[in-house]
Amino acid sequence: MSPNLLLIFVLGPPAAGKGTLCGSLTGQYAVQHMSVGDVLRKVATNNNHPSINQKLEKQELINAEELLPILKDKLSEAGLKDPERRVMLIDGFPRSKAQGEAFEAQYLAAPQLVQLFRCDKEVARKRYLDRKRGKDDDAMFEKRYHEYEIESEAIESAYGKRGLVLEVQVDTEILESWDNLQNLLAQDQRWKSLFVR
């Protein structure tokens, strides 16, 4: 992994709008964006990791041993591809406290900030079903959301104790959520310090 990259983890329930808002941030700031979900879907398309394919099919959590080498490669590529954009938004990671701990232990890289997107369950459900991605249905949403609820408390607690969490309400219309995110970032010293050289 590129030692020059500064990492921000972007967390939230399925269909909270992580990818959309991260995409907007890349247009406004000198940041890069990596969606872990998109990375894994490309891995599945290439069919290089059969066990990952099976877990994706069932929307199961992928363990750190399988996931981290893939992320490391992608982060290394990103650091080389656009060295001027040193801040990397990693959306959808970690999905468990164990994933985050393993990442820091193996790569000696900790997040500078953790953006925690808060979204009402029914709003997230509607967005999830409206995007019509693959085999996504109401039952799969319930499975994913339940998993998020189980894992999120430990993740939030761990990063909260380190003073890394920025909570953002994102269950409004996308433009309002975007304004809310920008206003919070404009006041956040942790965020602003990432762009001072």
C-alpha atoms as a PDB file:
ATOM      1  CA  MET A   1       0.000   0.000   0.000  1.00  0.00           C
ATOM      2  CA  SER A   2       1.206   3.499  -0.777  1.00  0.00           C
ATOM      3  CA  PRO A   3       2.605   5.098   2.405  1.00  0.00           C
ATOM      4  CA  ASN A   4       1.464   8.508   1.132  1.00  0.00           C
ATOM      5  CA  LEU A   5      -2.242   7.742   1.265  1.00  0.00           C
ATOM      6  CA  LEU A   6      -4.345   9.162   4.091  1.00  0.00           C
ATOM      7  CA  LEU A   7      -7.361   6.968   4.741  1.00  0.00           C
ATOM      8  CA  ILE A   8     -10.950   7.784   5.590  1.00  0.00           C
ATOM      9  CA  PHE A   9     -13.371   4.947   6.264  1.00  0.00           C
ATOM     10  CA  VAL A  10     -16.960   5.621   5.209  1.00  0.00           C
ATOM     11  CA  LEU A  11     -19.512   3.524   7.096  1.00  0.00           C
ATOM     12  CA  GLY A  12     -23.265   3.209   7.032  1.00  0.00           C
ATOM     13  CA  PRO A  13     -26.102   0.771   6.377  1.00  0.00           C
ATOM     14  CA  PRO A  14     -26.701  -0.683   2.918  1.00  0.00           C
ATOM     15  CA  ALA A  15     -27.990   1.951   0.458  1.00  0.00           C
ATOM     16  CA  ALA A  16     -27.292   4.847   2.832  1.00  0.00           C
ATOM     17  CA  GLY A  17     -25.782   6.764  -0.096  1.00  0.00           C
ATOM     18  CA  LYS A  18     -22.109   6.151   0.653  1.00  0.00           C
ATOM     19  CA  GLY A  19     -21.088   5.748  -2.992  1.00  0.00           C
ATOM     20  CA  THR A  20     -23.114   8.719  -4.212  1.00  0.00           C
ATOM     21  CA  LEU A  21     -21.791  11.110  -1.573  1.00  0.00           C
ATOM     22  CA  CYS A  22     -18.207   9.858  -1.916  1.00  0.00           C
ATOM     23  CA  GLY A  23     -18.497  10.474  -5.660  1.00  0.00           C
ATOM     24  CA  SER A  24     -19.568  14.054  -4.934  1.00  0.00           C
ATOM     25  CA  LEU A  25     -16.608  14.509  -2.586  1.00  0.00           C
ATOM     26  CA  THR A  26     -14.179  13.481  -5.332  1.00  0.00           C
ATOM     27  CA  GLY A  27     -15.551  16.290  -7.498  1.00  0.00           C
ATOM     28  CA  GLN A  28     -15.196  18.894  -4.756  1.00  0.00           C
ATOM     29  CA  TYR A  29     -11.968  17.917  -2.987  1.00  0.00           C
ATOM     30  CA  ALA A  30      -8.583  16.345  -3.790  1.00  0.00           C
ATOM     31  CA  VAL A  31      -9.693  12.886  -2.723  1.00  0.00           C
ATOM     32  CA  GLN A  32      -9.984   9.451  -4.302  1.00  0.00           C
ATOM     33  CA  HIS A  33     -12.830   7.022  -3.707  1.00  0.00           C
ATOM     34  CA  MET A  34     -12.766   3.244  -3.511  1.00  0.00           C
ATOM     35  CA  SER A  35     -15.979   1.286  -3.024  1.00  0.00           C
ATOM     36  CA  VAL A  36     -15.136  -2.074  -1.487  1.00  0.00           C
ATOM     37  CA  GLY A  37     -18.383  -3.470  -2.866  1.00  0.00           C
ATOM     38  CA  ASP A  38     -17.454  -2.424  -6.409  1.00  0.00           C
ATOM     39  CA  VAL A  39     -13.965  -3.888  -6.014  1.00  0.00           C
ATOM     40  CA  LEU A  40     -15.386  -7.227  -4.899  1.00  0.00           C
ATOM     41  CA  ARG A  41     -17.959  -7.300  -7.687  1.00  0.00           C
ATOM     42  CA  LYS A  42     -15.104  -6.879 -10.205  1.00  0.00           C
ATOM     43  CA  VAL A  43     -13.236  -9.716  -8.507  1.00  0.00           C
ATOM     44  CA  ALA A  44     -16.344 -11.869  -8.876  1.00  0.00           C
ATOM     45  CA  THR A  45     -16.654 -10.959 -12.569  1.00  0.00           C
ATOM     46  CA  ASN A  46     -13.060 -12.059 -13.173  1.00  0.00           C
ATOM     47  CA  ASN A  47     -13.786 -15.285 -11.260  1.00  0.00           C
ATOM     48  CA  ASN A  48     -10.330 -15.327  -9.644  1.00  0.00           C
ATOM     49  CA  HIS A  49     -11.570 -16.040  -6.119  1.00  0.00           C
ATOM     50  CA  PRO A  50     -14.293 -18.742  -6.074  1.00  0.00           C
ATOM     51  CA  SER A  51     -14.825 -18.511  -2.302  1.00  0.00           C
ATOM     52  CA  ILE A  52     -15.357 -14.748  -2.552  1.00  0.00           C
ATOM     53  CA  ASN A  53     -17.814 -15.306  -5.398  1.00  0.00           C
ATOM     54  CA  GLN A  54     -19.827 -17.684  -3.233  1.00  0.00           C
ATOM     55  CA  LYS A  55     -19.922 -15.243  -0.323  1.00  0.00           C
ATOM     56  CA  LEU A  56     -20.932 -12.365  -2.572  1.00  0.00           C
ATOM     57  CA  GLU A  57     -23.719 -14.464  -4.028  1.00  0.00           C
ATOM     58  CA  LYS A  58     -25.089 -14.937  -0.505  1.00  0.00           C
ATOM     59  CA  GLN A  59     -24.074 -11.391   0.549  1.00  0.00           C
ATOM     60  CA  GLU A  60     -21.985 -12.826   3.392  1.00  0.00           C
ATOM     61  CA  LEU A  61     -19.182 -11.082   5.240  1.00  0.00           C
ATOM     62  CA  ILE A  62     -15.773 -11.748   3.664  1.00  0.00           C
ATOM     63  CA  ASN A  63     -13.038 -12.497   6.164  1.00  0.00           C
ATOM     64  CA  ALA A  64      -9.941 -10.344   6.536  1.00  0.00           C
ATOM     65  CA  GLU A  65      -7.589 -13.035   5.188  1.00  0.00           C
ATOM     66  CA  GLU A  66      -9.327 -12.944   1.812  1.00  0.00           C
ATOM     67  CA  LEU A  67     -10.264  -9.281   1.674  1.00  0.00           C
ATOM     68  CA  LEU A  68      -7.158  -7.427   2.865  1.00  0.00           C
ATOM     69  CA  PRO A  69      -4.707  -8.543   0.134  1.00  0.00           C
ATOM     70  CA  ILE A  70      -7.203  -7.330  -2.480  1.00  0.00           C
ATOM     71  CA  LEU A  71      -7.583  -3.971  -0.745  1.00  0.00           C
ATOM     72  CA  LYS A  72      -3.826  -3.626  -0.357  1.00  0.00           C
ATOM     73  CA  ASP A  73      -3.305  -4.092  -4.105  1.00  0.00           C
ATOM     74  CA  LYS A  74      -6.037  -1.596  -4.983  1.00  0.00           C
ATOM     75  CA  LEU A  75      -4.683   0.994  -2.568  1.00  0.00           C
ATOM     76  CA  SER A  76      -1.173   0.562  -3.978  1.00  0.00           C
ATOM     77  CA  GLU A  77      -2.508   1.128  -7.495  1.00  0.00           C
ATOM     78  CA  ALA A  78      -4.419   4.207  -6.353  1.00  0.00           C
ATOM     79  CA  GLY A  79      -1.372   5.735  -4.669  1.00  0.00           C
ATOM     80  CA  LEU A  80       0.614   5.410  -7.869  1.00  0.00           C
ATOM     81  CA  LYS A  81      -2.179   6.440 -10.224  1.00  0.00           C
ATOM     82  CA  ASP A  82      -2.985   9.821  -8.693  1.00  0.00           C
ATOM     83  CA  PRO A  83      -0.318  10.890  -6.170  1.00  0.00           C
ATOM     84  CA  GLU A  84      -1.755  14.407  -5.973  1.00  0.00           C
ATOM     85  CA  ARG A  85      -4.924  13.017  -4.413  1.00  0.00           C
ATOM     86  CA  ARG A  86      -3.489  11.670  -1.190  1.00  0.00           C
ATOM     87  CA  VAL A  87      -6.766  11.252   0.697  1.00  0.00           C
ATOM     88  CA  MET A  88      -8.586   7.966   0.024  1.00  0.00           C
ATOM     89  CA  LEU A  89     -12.231   7.438   0.919  1.00  0.00           C
ATOM     90  CA  ILE A  90     -12.827   3.720   1.468  1.00  0.00           C
ATOM     91  CA  ASP A  91     -16.547   3.138   1.490  1.00  0.00           C
ATOM     92  CA  GLY A  92     -18.047   0.023   2.989  1.00  0.00           C
ATOM     93  CA  PHE A  93     -15.001  -0.853   5.094  1.00  0.00           C
ATOM     94  CA  PRO A  94     -14.594  -2.192   7.673  1.00  0.00           C
ATOM     95  CA  ARG A  95     -17.765  -4.237   7.944  1.00  0.00           C
ATOM     96  CA  SER A  96     -16.606  -5.725  11.234  1.00  0.00           C
ATOM     97  CA  LYS A  97     -14.324  -4.632  14.065  1.00  0.00           C
ATOM     98  CA  ALA A  98     -12.070  -7.605  13.264  1.00  0.00           C
ATOM     99  CA  GLN A  99     -11.580  -6.423   9.668  1.00  0.00           C
ATOM    100  CA  GLY A 100     -10.497  -2.978  10.862  1.00  0.00           C
ATOM    101  CA  GLU A 101      -8.131  -4.370  13.478  1.00  0.00           C
ATOM    102  CA  ALA A 102      -6.551  -6.783  10.997  1.00  0.00           C
ATOM    103  CA  PHE A 103      -6.069  -3.989   8.464  1.00  0.00           C
ATOM    104  CA  GLU A 104      -4.234  -1.789  10.947  1.00  0.00           C
ATOM    105  CA  ALA A 105      -2.131  -4.682  12.272  1.00  0.00           C
ATOM    106  CA  GLN A 106      -1.031  -5.896   8.841  1.00  0.00           C
ATOM    107  CA  TYR A 107      -0.538  -2.602   7.018  1.00  0.00           C
ATOM    108  CA  LEU A 108       0.243  -0.259   9.918  1.00  0.00           C
ATOM    109  CA  ALA A 109      -2.272   2.196   8.499  1.00  0.00           C
ATOM    110  CA  ALA A 110      -5.063   3.694  10.578  1.00  0.00           C
ATOM    111  CA  PRO A 111      -7.897   5.907   9.366  1.00  0.00           C
ATOM    112  CA  GLN A 112      -7.523   9.637   9.873  1.00  0.00           C
ATOM    113  CA  LEU A 113     -11.298   9.986  10.061  1.00  0.00           C
ATOM    114  CA  VAL A 114     -14.365   7.734  10.029  1.00  0.00           C
ATOM    115  CA  GLN A 115     -17.446   9.187   8.357  1.00  0.00           C
ATOM    116  CA  LEU A 116     -20.488   7.478   9.815  1.00  0.00           C
ATOM    117  CA  PHE A 117     -23.589   7.902   7.650  1.00  0.00           C
ATOM    118  CA  ARG A 118     -26.842   7.676   9.615  1.00  0.00           C
ATOM    119  CA  CYS A 119     -29.872   6.605   7.595  1.00  0.00           C
ATOM    120  CA  ASP A 120     -33.356   5.569   8.672  1.00  0.00           C
ATOM    121  CA  LYS A 121     -33.983   1.898   7.921  1.00  0.00           C
ATOM    122  CA  GLU A 122     -37.052   2.457   5.755  1.00  0.00           C
ATOM    123  CA  VAL A 123     -35.301   5.134   3.692  1.00  0.00           C
ATOM    124  CA  ALA A 124     -32.368   2.756   3.186  1.00  0.00           C
ATOM    125  CA  ARG A 125     -34.754  -0.062   2.244  1.00  0.00           C
ATOM    126  CA  LYS A 126     -36.431   2.048  -0.450  1.00  0.00           C
ATOM    127  CA  ARG A 127     -33.070   3.100  -1.919  1.00  0.00           C
ATOM    128  CA  TYR A 128     -31.835  -0.483  -1.816  1.00  0.00           C
ATOM    129  CA  LEU A 129     -34.840  -1.828  -3.715  1.00  0.00           C
ATOM    130  CA  ASP A 130     -34.975   1.120  -6.150  1.00  0.00           C
ATOM    131  CA  ARG A 131     -31.437   0.558  -7.391  1.00  0.00           C
ATOM    132  CA  LYS A 132     -32.400  -2.926  -8.666  1.00  0.00           C
ATOM    133  CA  ARG A 133     -28.915  -4.410  -8.392  1.00  0.00           C
ATOM    134  CA  GLY A 134     -28.583  -8.121  -9.169  1.00  0.00           C
ATOM    135  CA  LYS A 135     -30.565 -10.306  -6.796  1.00  0.00           C
ATOM    136  CA  ASP A 136     -31.238  -7.558  -4.267  1.00  0.00           C
ATOM    137  CA  ASP A 137     -34.697  -7.942  -2.760  1.00  0.00           C
ATOM    138  CA  ASP A 138     -36.433  -7.211   0.536  1.00  0.00           C
ATOM    139  CA  ALA A 139     -35.183 -10.396   2.180  1.00  0.00           C
ATOM    140  CA  MET A 140     -31.594  -9.608   1.188  1.00  0.00           C
ATOM    141  CA  PHE A 141     -31.957  -6.075   2.506  1.00  0.00           C
ATOM    142  CA  GLU A 142     -33.154  -7.420   5.857  1.00  0.00           C
ATOM    143  CA  LYS A 143     -30.168  -9.787   5.977  1.00  0.00           C
ATOM    144  CA  ARG A 144     -27.679  -7.026   5.144  1.00  0.00           C
ATOM    145  CA  TYR A 145     -29.248  -4.497   7.488  1.00  0.00           C
ATOM    146  CA  HIS A 146     -29.375  -6.988  10.360  1.00  0.00           C
ATOM    147  CA  GLU A 147     -25.701  -7.813   9.824  1.00  0.00           C
ATOM    148  CA  TYR A 148     -24.870  -4.095   9.810  1.00  0.00           C
ATOM    149  CA  GLU A 149     -26.727  -3.564  13.092  1.00  0.00           C
ATOM    150  CA  ILE A 150     -24.898  -6.464  14.737  1.00  0.00           C
ATOM    151  CA  GLU A 151     -21.418  -5.314  13.662  1.00  0.00           C
ATOM    152  CA  SER A 152     -21.788  -1.528  13.731  1.00  0.00           C
ATOM    153  CA  GLU A 153     -21.968  -0.970  17.480  1.00  0.00           C
ATOM    154  CA  ALA A 154     -18.510  -2.444  18.102  1.00  0.00           C
ATOM    155  CA  ILE A 155     -17.015  -0.576  15.143  1.00  0.00           C
ATOM    156  CA  GLU A 156     -18.531   2.762  16.174  1.00  0.00           C
ATOM    157  CA  SER A 157     -17.406   2.281  19.764  1.00  0.00           C
ATOM    158  CA  ALA A 158     -13.827   1.427  18.787  1.00  0.00           C
ATOM    159  CA  TYR A 159     -13.366   4.426  16.487  1.00  0.00           C
ATOM    160  CA  GLY A 160     -15.422   6.706  18.722  1.00  0.00           C
ATOM    161  CA  LYS A 161     -13.065   6.105  21.648  1.00  0.00           C
ATOM    162  CA  ARG A 162     -10.222   7.278  19.406  1.00  0.00           C
ATOM    163  CA  GLY A 163     -12.061  10.472  18.479  1.00  0.00           C
ATOM    164  CA  LEU A 164     -12.262   9.557  14.803  1.00  0.00           C
ATOM    165  CA  VAL A 165     -16.018   9.484  14.148  1.00  0.00           C
ATOM    166  CA  LEU A 166     -17.922  12.166  12.239  1.00  0.00           C
ATOM    167  CA  GLU A 167     -21.652  11.391  12.185  1.00  0.00           C
ATOM    168  CA  VAL A 168     -23.633  12.566   9.165  1.00  0.00           C
ATOM    169  CA  GLN A 169     -27.415  12.332   8.737  1.00  0.00           C
ATOM    170  CA  VAL A 170     -28.047  11.190   5.152  1.00  0.00           C
ATOM    171  CA  ASP A 171     -31.649  10.029   5.014  1.00  0.00           C
ATOM    172  CA  THR A 172     -32.902  13.260   3.441  1.00  0.00           C
ATOM    173  CA  GLU A 173     -32.961  14.072  -0.296  1.00  0.00           C
ATOM    174  CA  ILE A 174     -29.489  13.670  -1.802  1.00  0.00           C
ATOM    175  CA  LEU A 175     -28.833  17.411  -2.237  1.00  0.00           C
ATOM    176  CA  GLU A 176     -29.803  18.083   1.367  1.00  0.00           C
ATOM    177  CA  SER A 177     -27.606  15.212   2.566  1.00  0.00           C
ATOM    178  CA  TRP A 178     -24.753  16.607   0.459  1.00  0.00           C
ATOM    179  CA  ASP A 179     -25.175  20.079   1.968  1.00  0.00           C
ATOM    180  CA  ASN A 180     -25.250  18.556   5.437  1.00  0.00           C
ATOM    181  CA  LEU A 181     -22.039  16.614   4.768  1.00  0.00           C
ATOM    182  CA  GLN A 182     -20.235  19.664   3.341  1.00  0.00           C
ATOM    183  CA  ASN A 183     -21.261  21.850   6.285  1.00  0.00           C
ATOM    184  CA  LEU A 184     -19.972  19.307   8.780  1.00  0.00           C
ATOM    185  CA  LEU A 185     -16.689  18.864   6.913  1.00  0.00           C
ATOM    186  CA  ALA A 186     -16.171  22.631   6.684  1.00  0.00           C
ATOM    187  CA  GLN A 187     -16.143  22.745  10.482  1.00  0.00           C
ATOM    188  CA  ASP A 188     -14.133  19.589  11.091  1.00  0.00           C
ATOM    189  CA  GLN A 189     -10.456  20.147  11.902  1.00  0.00           C
ATOM    190  CA  ARG A 190      -9.598  16.479  11.303  1.00  0.00           C
ATOM    191  CA  TRP A 191     -10.880  16.767   7.730  1.00  0.00           C
ATOM    192  CA  LYS A 192      -9.295  20.164   7.052  1.00  0.00           C
ATOM    193  CA  SER A 193      -5.896  19.015   8.359  1.00  0.00           C
ATOM    194  CA  LEU A 194      -5.725  16.347   5.632  1.00  0.00           C
ATOM    195  CA  PHE A 195      -5.364  19.003   2.954  1.00  0.00           C
ATOM    196  CA  VAL A 196      -2.611  21.044   4.615  1.00  0.00           C
ATOM    197  CA  ARG A 197       0.850  20.206   3.296  1.00  0.00           C
END
